[in-house]
């Protein structure tokens, strides 16, 4: 167990560990400037490609809720 934590992470359920990871990541992002995480040109191009596909057909794809349900995280 990491000394900063009051619980053994391995005792948490998968959904609790995912939530912990999300909370940790959110806490990091709140303290950082986006310029501290520069994107490579290939990453920018991929994001632009995906945004273009979405704009061409905004109904295609899944909502976050649908993805969580399909992966079994809604239980």
Protein backbone atom coordinates (compact mmCIF):
# COMPACT_ATOMS: atom_id res chain seq x y z
CA UNK A 1 0.00 0.00 0.00
CA UNK A 2 1.29 3.44 -0.90
CA UNK A 3 1.83 5.43 2.31
CA UNK A 4 -0.28 8.36 1.12
CA UNK A 5 -3.34 6.15 0.66
CA UNK A 6 -5.54 5.04 3.53
CA UNK A 7 -6.73 1.94 1.66
CA UNK A 8 -5.06 -0.87 -0.25
CA UNK A 9 -5.91 -0.18 -3.90
CA UNK A 10 -6.14 -3.89 -4.67
CA UNK A 11 -9.11 -4.08 -2.29
CA UNK A 12 -11.10 -1.61 -4.42
CA UNK A 13 -13.48 -2.77 -7.12
CA UNK A 14 -12.57 -2.14 -10.73
CA UNK A 15 -15.06 0.72 -10.97
CA UNK A 16 -13.67 2.28 -7.78
CA UNK A 17 -10.11 2.07 -9.14
CA UNK A 18 -11.21 3.65 -12.41
CA UNK A 19 -12.90 6.45 -10.46
CA UNK A 20 -9.73 6.92 -8.40
CA UNK A 21 -7.64 7.18 -11.58
CA UNK A 22 -10.09 9.69 -13.06
CA UNK A 23 -10.05 11.76 -9.85
CA UNK A 24 -6.25 11.72 -9.78
CA UNK A 25 -6.01 12.77 -13.43
CA UNK A 26 -8.60 15.55 -12.90
CA UNK A 27 -6.60 16.87 -9.94
CA UNK A 28 -3.47 17.03 -12.11
CA UNK A 29 -5.25 18.82 -14.95
CA UNK A 30 -6.65 21.44 -12.58
CA UNK A 31 -3.13 22.47 -11.63
CA UNK A 32 -1.55 22.38 -15.08
CA UNK A 33 -1.58 24.62 -18.09
CA UNK A 34 -2.44 22.92 -21.38
CA UNK A 35 0.83 24.26 -22.81
CA UNK A 36 2.65 21.87 -20.47
CA UNK A 37 1.31 18.97 -22.56
CA UNK A 38 2.14 19.85 -26.16
CA UNK A 39 0.78 17.59 -28.88
CA UNK A 40 2.97 16.12 -31.58
CA UNK A 41 2.02 17.04 -35.13
CA UNK A 42 0.77 13.48 -35.75
CA UNK A 43 -1.55 13.79 -32.73
CA UNK A 44 -2.92 17.10 -34.00
CA UNK A 45 -3.53 15.58 -37.42
CA UNK A 46 -5.36 12.60 -35.91
CA UNK A 47 -7.57 14.88 -33.80
CA UNK A 48 -8.36 16.99 -36.87
CA UNK A 49 -9.18 13.84 -38.86
CA UNK A 50 -11.55 12.58 -36.17
CA UNK A 51 -13.20 15.97 -35.79
CA UNK A 52 -13.72 16.08 -39.55
CA UNK A 53 -15.37 12.65 -39.51
CA UNK A 54 -17.63 13.72 -36.68
CA UNK A 55 -18.65 16.90 -38.49
CA UNK A 56 -19.48 14.89 -41.62
CA UNK A 57 -21.76 12.55 -39.69
CA UNK A 58 -22.45 13.75 -36.12
CA UNK A 59 -24.99 10.93 -35.51
CA UNK A 60 -22.38 8.22 -35.98
CA UNK A 61 -20.63 6.93 -32.89
CA UNK A 62 -21.67 6.40 -29.30
CA UNK A 63 -22.33 8.62 -26.33
CA UNK A 64 -20.14 8.22 -23.26
CA UNK A 65 -23.10 6.66 -21.45
CA UNK A 66 -23.51 4.07 -24.23
CA UNK A 67 -19.81 3.21 -24.11
CA UNK A 68 -19.87 2.76 -20.32
CA UNK A 69 -22.94 0.55 -20.60
CA UNK A 70 -21.38 -1.56 -23.36
CA UNK A 71 -18.22 -2.01 -21.26
CA UNK A 72 -20.22 -2.90 -18.17
CA UNK A 73 -19.24 0.16 -16.12
CA UNK A 74 -22.85 1.21 -15.51
CA UNK A 75 -23.43 -1.49 -12.90
